[in-house]
Amino acid sequence: MNKKLAFTFTLALITQSVFSQMYFPPRTMPEHGFLPGKKFQYYSTINKHDLKQARFRVEVYDDRAKLGLSKTECSDINFTNTSEFEAPECIYKLGKYVDTLFKQSNAINDINSNDTLQIRLQGIDARLIGFGYSRVHGLCQIEVKYHNQKKVYCIDITDADKNSPVGPTAFVTRKTATRIMASAAMREVIEKLITDLENCPTF
């Protein structure tokens, strides 16, 4: 069960069922899921997108344990794999993020659609780097398969970037800062995918 999780997401399915020859009994997730403390935030896309009510069967997989990546393709910063996002339940957060941003972008998550979009989480981490004047990094990499094509999306976003939800001088705890930046990293790779789908529907 910790090797690969494959989910077809709608709001109901997030806590009810799992696709691809695996099934988890229905359960109720705590308000904060597997993340205690401050609620995990789902940030909107930076730009407005319109996928014109395209219907996708979205499948989300967790390939982290299988791949064992030490870093993303777009950053020299290594994963520590010690953050709360290392837990297998992180895939629920990514699945809900995809569902949320696709709906905001006028797409329909349809389990009966023949237009299948596979999203595989390959790595995610949040790092606080530096002493005194430190920088918070959100790192995320996914691989997407669509119309028999594959593409990797990755990001190393910091609290100094213009798209960051929090600035480098914000008065927040270390846990809150890393949680915000991990969320922002998920948002960034999903928005890159949405942008590609919008500009080139055949990928």
C-alpha atoms as a PDB file:
ATOM      1  CA  MET A   1       0.000   0.000   0.000  1.00  0.00           C
ATOM      2  CA  ASN A   2       3.009   2.322   0.518  1.00  0.00           C
ATOM      3  CA  LYS A   3       4.516   1.460  -2.859  1.00  0.00           C
ATOM      4  CA  LYS A   4       2.025   3.192  -5.108  1.00  0.00           C
ATOM      5  CA  LEU A   5      -1.281   4.914  -4.548  1.00  0.00           C
ATOM      6  CA  ALA A   6      -3.502   5.529  -7.542  1.00  0.00           C
ATOM      7  CA  PHE A   7      -6.474   7.769  -7.121  1.00  0.00           C
ATOM      8  CA  THR A   8      -9.276   8.986  -9.309  1.00  0.00           C
ATOM      9  CA  PHE A   9     -10.317  12.204  -7.658  1.00  0.00           C
ATOM     10  CA  THR A  10     -13.579  13.967  -7.246  1.00  0.00           C
ATOM     11  CA  LEU A  11     -14.412  15.645  -3.964  1.00  0.00           C
ATOM     12  CA  ALA A  12     -16.353  12.582  -2.868  1.00  0.00           C
ATOM     13  CA  LEU A  13     -13.695  10.114  -3.980  1.00  0.00           C
ATOM     14  CA  ILE A  14     -10.889  11.743  -2.025  1.00  0.00           C
ATOM     15  CA  THR A  15     -12.074  10.075   1.165  1.00  0.00           C
ATOM     16  CA  GLN A  16     -14.209   7.295  -0.258  1.00  0.00           C
ATOM     17  CA  SER A  17     -12.354   5.201  -2.806  1.00  0.00           C
ATOM     18  CA  VAL A  18      -9.137   4.489  -4.631  1.00  0.00           C
ATOM     19  CA  PHE A  19      -8.700   3.547  -8.287  1.00  0.00           C
ATOM     20  CA  SER A  20      -6.430   1.065 -10.046  1.00  0.00           C
ATOM     21  CA  GLN A  21      -6.830  -2.308  -8.412  1.00  0.00           C
ATOM     22  CA  MET A  22      -6.484  -0.936  -4.897  1.00  0.00           C
ATOM     23  CA  TYR A  23      -9.113   0.009  -2.399  1.00  0.00           C
ATOM     24  CA  PHE A  24      -9.096   1.638   0.992  1.00  0.00           C
ATOM     25  CA  PRO A  25     -12.154   1.422   3.253  1.00  0.00           C
ATOM     26  CA  PRO A  26     -14.074   4.695   3.630  1.00  0.00           C
ATOM     27  CA  ARG A  27     -12.662   6.803   6.412  1.00  0.00           C
ATOM     28  CA  THR A  28     -12.974  10.281   7.793  1.00  0.00           C
ATOM     29  CA  MET A  29      -9.885  12.435   7.553  1.00  0.00           C
ATOM     30  CA  PRO A  30      -9.174  14.815  10.464  1.00  0.00           C
ATOM     31  CA  GLU A  31      -9.667  18.502   9.697  1.00  0.00           C
ATOM     32  CA  HIS A  32      -5.940  18.921   9.166  1.00  0.00           C
ATOM     33  CA  GLY A  33      -5.487  15.502   7.581  1.00  0.00           C
ATOM     34  CA  PHE A  34      -2.074  14.151   8.563  1.00  0.00           C
ATOM     35  CA  LEU A  35      -0.774  17.679   9.267  1.00  0.00           C
ATOM     36  CA  PRO A  36      -1.318  18.746  12.892  1.00  0.00           C
ATOM     37  CA  GLY A  37      -1.527  22.404  13.786  1.00  0.00           C
ATOM     38  CA  LYS A  38      -2.192  25.166  11.295  1.00  0.00           C
ATOM     39  CA  LYS A  39      -4.587  24.169   8.511  1.00  0.00           C
ATOM     40  CA  PHE A  40      -3.002  23.334   5.157  1.00  0.00           C
ATOM     41  CA  GLN A  41      -3.773  26.075   2.645  1.00  0.00           C
ATOM     42  CA  TYR A  42      -4.704  25.487  -0.988  1.00  0.00           C
ATOM     43  CA  TYR A  43      -3.629  28.556  -2.959  1.00  0.00           C
ATOM     44  CA  SER A  44      -5.346  29.659  -6.164  1.00  0.00           C
ATOM     45  CA  THR A  45      -3.486  29.747  -9.453  1.00  0.00           C
ATOM     46  CA  ILE A  46      -1.430  32.874 -10.085  1.00  0.00           C
ATOM     47  CA  ASN A  47      -3.143  33.493 -13.422  1.00  0.00           C
ATOM     48  CA  LYS A  48      -6.706  32.850 -14.515  1.00  0.00           C
ATOM     49  CA  HIS A  49      -7.172  29.835 -16.769  1.00  0.00           C
ATOM     50  CA  ASP A  50     -10.065  28.500 -18.807  1.00  0.00           C
ATOM     51  CA  LEU A  51     -10.015  24.862 -19.858  1.00  0.00           C
ATOM     52  CA  LYS A  52     -13.467  25.319 -21.404  1.00  0.00           C
ATOM     53  CA  GLN A  53     -15.142  22.548 -19.409  1.00  0.00           C
ATOM     54  CA  ALA A  54     -12.777  19.885 -20.693  1.00  0.00           C
ATOM     55  CA  ARG A  55     -13.476  16.534 -19.035  1.00  0.00           C
ATOM     56  CA  PHE A  56     -10.576  14.528 -17.626  1.00  0.00           C
ATOM     57  CA  ARG A  57     -10.311  11.263 -15.785  1.00  0.00           C
ATOM     58  CA  VAL A  58      -7.583  12.310 -13.362  1.00  0.00           C
ATOM     59  CA  GLU A  59      -5.434   9.623 -11.750  1.00  0.00           C
ATOM     60  CA  VAL A  60      -2.895  10.585  -9.104  1.00  0.00           C
ATOM     61  CA  TYR A  61      -0.077   8.205  -8.175  1.00  0.00           C
ATOM     62  CA  ASP A  62       2.667   8.313  -5.553  1.00  0.00           C
ATOM     63  CA  ASP A  63       5.973   7.152  -7.089  1.00  0.00           C
ATOM     64  CA  ARG A  64       8.273   8.585  -4.422  1.00  0.00           C
ATOM     65  CA  ALA A  65       9.153   5.312  -2.690  1.00  0.00           C
ATOM     66  CA  LYS A  66       9.748   3.564  -6.007  1.00  0.00           C
ATOM     67  CA  LEU A  67      11.980   6.286  -7.461  1.00  0.00           C
ATOM     68  CA  GLY A  68      13.830   7.416  -4.339  1.00  0.00           C
ATOM     69  CA  LEU A  69      14.860  10.727  -5.915  1.00  0.00           C
ATOM     70  CA  SER A  70      17.380  12.828  -4.000  1.00  0.00           C
ATOM     71  CA  LYS A  71      16.449  16.092  -5.741  1.00  0.00           C
ATOM     72  CA  THR A  72      14.253  17.574  -8.467  1.00  0.00           C
ATOM     73  CA  GLU A  73      15.464  18.062 -12.040  1.00  0.00           C
ATOM     74  CA  CYS A  74      15.355  21.846 -11.621  1.00  0.00           C
ATOM     75  CA  SER A  75      17.259  22.326  -8.356  1.00  0.00           C
ATOM     76  CA  ASP A  76      20.551  21.360  -6.744  1.00  0.00           C
ATOM     77  CA  ILE A  77      18.937  21.245  -3.303  1.00  0.00           C
ATOM     78  CA  ASN A  78      18.633  17.710  -1.951  1.00  0.00           C
ATOM     79  CA  PHE A  79      15.512  16.308  -0.374  1.00  0.00           C
ATOM     80  CA  THR A  80      15.883  15.554   3.321  1.00  0.00           C
ATOM     81  CA  ASN A  81      12.735  13.402   3.359  1.00  0.00           C
ATOM     82  CA  THR A  82      12.217  14.385   6.977  1.00  0.00           C
ATOM     83  CA  SER A  83       9.338  16.846   6.582  1.00  0.00           C
ATOM     84  CA  GLU A  84       5.707  16.021   7.324  1.00  0.00           C
ATOM     85  CA  PHE A  85       5.136  15.781   3.564  1.00  0.00           C
ATOM     86  CA  GLU A  86       7.189  12.600   3.431  1.00  0.00           C
ATOM     87  CA  ALA A  87       4.188  10.709   4.832  1.00  0.00           C
ATOM     88  CA  PRO A  88       2.238   8.585   2.309  1.00  0.00           C
ATOM     89  CA  GLU A  89      -0.892  10.618   3.112  1.00  0.00           C
ATOM     90  CA  CYS A  90       0.672  13.555   1.262  1.00  0.00           C
ATOM     91  CA  ILE A  91      -0.861  12.110  -1.910  1.00  0.00           C
ATOM     92  CA  TYR A  92      -4.305  13.090  -0.586  1.00  0.00           C
ATOM     93  CA  LYS A  93      -3.175  16.724  -0.435  1.00  0.00           C
ATOM     94  CA  LEU A  94      -1.856  16.629  -3.991  1.00  0.00           C
ATOM     95  CA  GLY A  95      -5.039  14.966  -5.227  1.00  0.00           C
ATOM     96  CA  LYS A  96      -7.242  17.558  -3.603  1.00  0.00           C
ATOM     97  CA  TYR A  97      -4.997  20.334  -4.962  1.00  0.00           C
ATOM     98  CA  VAL A  98      -5.389  19.009  -8.503  1.00  0.00           C
ATOM     99  CA  ASP A  99      -9.149  18.750  -8.064  1.00  0.00           C
ATOM    100  CA  THR A 100      -9.365  22.278  -6.610  1.00  0.00           C
ATOM    101  CA  LEU A 101      -7.262  24.023  -9.257  1.00  0.00           C
ATOM    102  CA  PHE A 102      -8.826  22.162 -12.166  1.00  0.00           C
ATOM    103  CA  LYS A 103     -12.282  23.209 -11.016  1.00  0.00           C
ATOM    104  CA  GLN A 104     -11.090  26.811 -10.633  1.00  0.00           C
ATOM    105  CA  SER A 105      -9.794  26.564 -14.207  1.00  0.00           C
ATOM    106  CA  ASN A 106     -13.168  25.421 -15.605  1.00  0.00           C
ATOM    107  CA  ALA A 107     -12.281  21.750 -16.023  1.00  0.00           C
ATOM    108  CA  ILE A 108     -14.486  18.817 -15.075  1.00  0.00           C
ATOM    109  CA  ASN A 109     -13.109  15.826 -13.202  1.00  0.00           C
ATOM    110  CA  ASP A 110     -15.091  12.969 -14.733  1.00  0.00           C
ATOM    111  CA  ILE A 111     -14.359   9.366 -13.770  1.00  0.00           C
ATOM    112  CA  ASN A 112     -16.221   8.212 -16.878  1.00  0.00           C
ATOM    113  CA  SER A 113     -14.151  10.260 -19.294  1.00  0.00           C
ATOM    114  CA  ASN A 114     -11.924   8.441 -21.765  1.00  0.00           C
ATOM    115  CA  ASP A 115      -9.490  11.377 -21.635  1.00  0.00           C
ATOM    116  CA  THR A 116      -7.155  10.081 -18.933  1.00  0.00           C
ATOM    117  CA  LEU A 117      -4.601  12.310 -17.248  1.00  0.00           C
ATOM    118  CA  GLN A 118      -2.056  10.528 -15.040  1.00  0.00           C
ATOM    119  CA  ILE A 119      -0.188  12.606 -12.489  1.00  0.00           C
ATOM    120  CA  ARG A 120       2.680  10.940 -10.635  1.00  0.00           C
ATOM    121  CA  LEU A 121       4.242  12.536  -7.576  1.00  0.00           C
ATOM    122  CA  GLN A 122       7.999  11.968  -7.821  1.00  0.00           C
ATOM    123  CA  GLY A 123       9.230  14.147  -4.984  1.00  0.00           C
ATOM    124  CA  ILE A 124       8.255  16.894  -2.559  1.00  0.00           C
ATOM    125  CA  ASP A 125      10.035  18.606   0.299  1.00  0.00           C
ATOM    126  CA  ALA A 126      10.328  21.916   2.118  1.00  0.00           C
ATOM    127  CA  ARG A 127      13.757  23.156   3.202  1.00  0.00           C
ATOM    128  CA  LEU A 128      14.891  25.990   5.434  1.00  0.00           C
ATOM    129  CA  ILE A 129      18.411  26.836   4.300  1.00  0.00           C
ATOM    130  CA  GLY A 130      20.879  29.255   5.806  1.00  0.00           C
ATOM    131  CA  PHE A 131      21.733  30.631   9.229  1.00  0.00           C
ATOM    132  CA  GLY A 132      20.408  33.918  10.519  1.00  0.00           C
ATOM    133  CA  TYR A 133      19.063  35.157   7.186  1.00  0.00           C
ATOM    134  CA  SER A 134      17.562  31.907   5.938  1.00  0.00           C
ATOM    135  CA  ARG A 135      15.577  31.090   2.844  1.00  0.00           C
ATOM    136  CA  VAL A 136      12.604  28.721   2.734  1.00  0.00           C
ATOM    137  CA  HIS A 137      12.358  26.457  -0.313  1.00  0.00           C
ATOM    138  CA  GLY A 138       9.406  24.492  -1.606  1.00  0.00           C
ATOM    139  CA  LEU A 139      10.447  21.625  -3.865  1.00  0.00           C
ATOM    140  CA  CYS A 140       8.094  19.513  -5.951  1.00  0.00           C
ATOM    141  CA  GLN A 141       8.315  17.302  -9.018  1.00  0.00           C
ATOM    142  CA  ILE A 142       5.553  15.457 -10.857  1.00  0.00           C
ATOM    143  CA  GLU A 143       5.448  13.449 -14.067  1.00  0.00           C
ATOM    144  CA  VAL A 144       2.338  13.729 -16.222  1.00  0.00           C
ATOM    145  CA  LYS A 145       1.197  11.260 -18.869  1.00  0.00           C
ATOM    146  CA  TYR A 146      -1.427  12.469 -21.315  1.00  0.00           C
ATOM    147  CA  HIS A 147      -2.250  11.256 -24.854  1.00  0.00           C
ATOM    148  CA  ASN A 148       0.691   8.796 -24.674  1.00  0.00           C
ATOM    149  CA  GLN A 149       3.099  11.659 -23.977  1.00  0.00           C
ATOM    150  CA  LYS A 150       5.023  12.224 -20.767  1.00  0.00           C
ATOM    151  CA  LYS A 151       6.310  15.463 -19.299  1.00  0.00           C
ATOM    152  CA  VAL A 152       8.037  16.322 -16.029  1.00  0.00           C
ATOM    153  CA  TYR A 153       7.147  19.467 -14.098  1.00  0.00           C
ATOM    154  CA  CYS A 154       9.339  20.637 -11.246  1.00  0.00           C
ATOM    155  CA  ILE A 155       9.821  23.724  -9.106  1.00  0.00           C
ATOM    156  CA  ASP A 156      12.139  25.153  -6.486  1.00  0.00           C
ATOM    157  CA  ILE A 157      10.188  28.129  -5.163  1.00  0.00           C
ATOM    158  CA  THR A 158      11.476  30.284  -2.310  1.00  0.00           C
ATOM    159  CA  ASP A 159       9.921  32.836   0.001  1.00  0.00           C
ATOM    160  CA  ALA A 160      11.706  35.536  -2.033  1.00  0.00           C
ATOM    161  CA  ASP A 161       9.966  34.622  -5.296  1.00  0.00           C
ATOM    162  CA  LYS A 162       7.164  36.856  -6.553  1.00  0.00           C
ATOM    163  CA  ASN A 163       4.667  33.973  -6.555  1.00  0.00           C
ATOM    164  CA  SER A 164       5.376  33.054  -2.960  1.00  0.00           C
ATOM    165  CA  PRO A 165       2.358  33.331  -0.612  1.00  0.00           C
ATOM    166  CA  VAL A 166       4.697  34.537   2.149  1.00  0.00           C
ATOM    167  CA  GLY A 167       7.596  36.980   2.072  1.00  0.00           C
ATOM    168  CA  PRO A 168      11.071  36.465   3.549  1.00  0.00           C
ATOM    169  CA  THR A 169      10.356  38.918   6.367  1.00  0.00           C
ATOM    170  CA  ALA A 170       6.996  37.418   7.368  1.00  0.00           C
ATOM    171  CA  PHE A 171       6.681  36.619  11.060  1.00  0.00           C
ATOM    172  CA  VAL A 172       5.738  32.929  10.958  1.00  0.00           C
ATOM    173  CA  THR A 173       7.044  29.806  12.610  1.00  0.00           C
ATOM    174  CA  ARG A 174       9.457  27.491  10.843  1.00  0.00           C
ATOM    175  CA  LYS A 175       6.788  24.793  10.476  1.00  0.00           C
ATOM    176  CA  THR A 176       4.275  27.279   9.066  1.00  0.00           C
ATOM    177  CA  ALA A 177       6.813  28.692   6.605  1.00  0.00           C
ATOM    178  CA  THR A 178       7.838  25.281   5.271  1.00  0.00           C
ATOM    179  CA  ARG A 179       4.200  24.170   5.060  1.00  0.00           C
ATOM    180  CA  ILE A 180       3.305  27.294   3.067  1.00  0.00           C
ATOM    181  CA  MET A 181       6.181  26.791   0.656  1.00  0.00           C
ATOM    182  CA  ALA A 182       5.441  23.094   0.117  1.00  0.00           C
ATOM    183  CA  SER A 183       1.859  24.063  -0.697  1.00  0.00           C
ATOM    184  CA  ALA A 184       3.090  26.777  -3.060  1.00  0.00           C
ATOM    185  CA  ALA A 185       5.356  24.239  -4.778  1.00  0.00           C
ATOM    186  CA  MET A 186       2.385  21.931  -5.412  1.00  0.00           C
ATOM    187  CA  ARG A 187       0.417  24.880  -6.768  1.00  0.00           C
ATOM    188  CA  GLU A 188       3.245  25.843  -9.126  1.00  0.00           C
ATOM    189  CA  VAL A 189       3.650  22.447 -10.811  1.00  0.00           C
ATOM    190  CA  ILE A 190      -0.110  21.972 -11.155  1.00  0.00           C
ATOM    191  CA  GLU A 191      -0.476  25.425 -12.706  1.00  0.00           C
ATOM    192  CA  LYS A 192       2.306  24.637 -15.182  1.00  0.00           C
ATOM    193  CA  LEU A 193       0.315  21.592 -16.237  1.00  0.00           C
ATOM    194  CA  ILE A 194      -2.911  23.591 -16.513  1.00  0.00           C
ATOM    195  CA  THR A 195      -1.134  26.205 -18.631  1.00  0.00           C
ATOM    196  CA  ASP A 196       0.091  23.530 -21.036  1.00  0.00           C
ATOM    197  CA  LEU A 197      -3.370  21.969 -21.284  1.00  0.00           C
ATOM    198  CA  GLU A 198      -4.846  25.407 -21.975  1.00  0.00           C
ATOM    199  CA  ASN A 199      -2.326  26.343 -24.648  1.00  0.00           C
ATOM    200  CA  CYS A 200      -2.064  22.917 -26.264  1.00  0.00           C
ATOM    201  CA  PRO A 201      -5.074  20.682 -25.511  1.00  0.00           C
ATOM    202  CA  THR A 202      -3.338  17.694 -27.109  1.00  0.00           C
ATOM    203  CA  PHE A 203      -0.342  18.285 -24.804  1.00  0.00           C
END
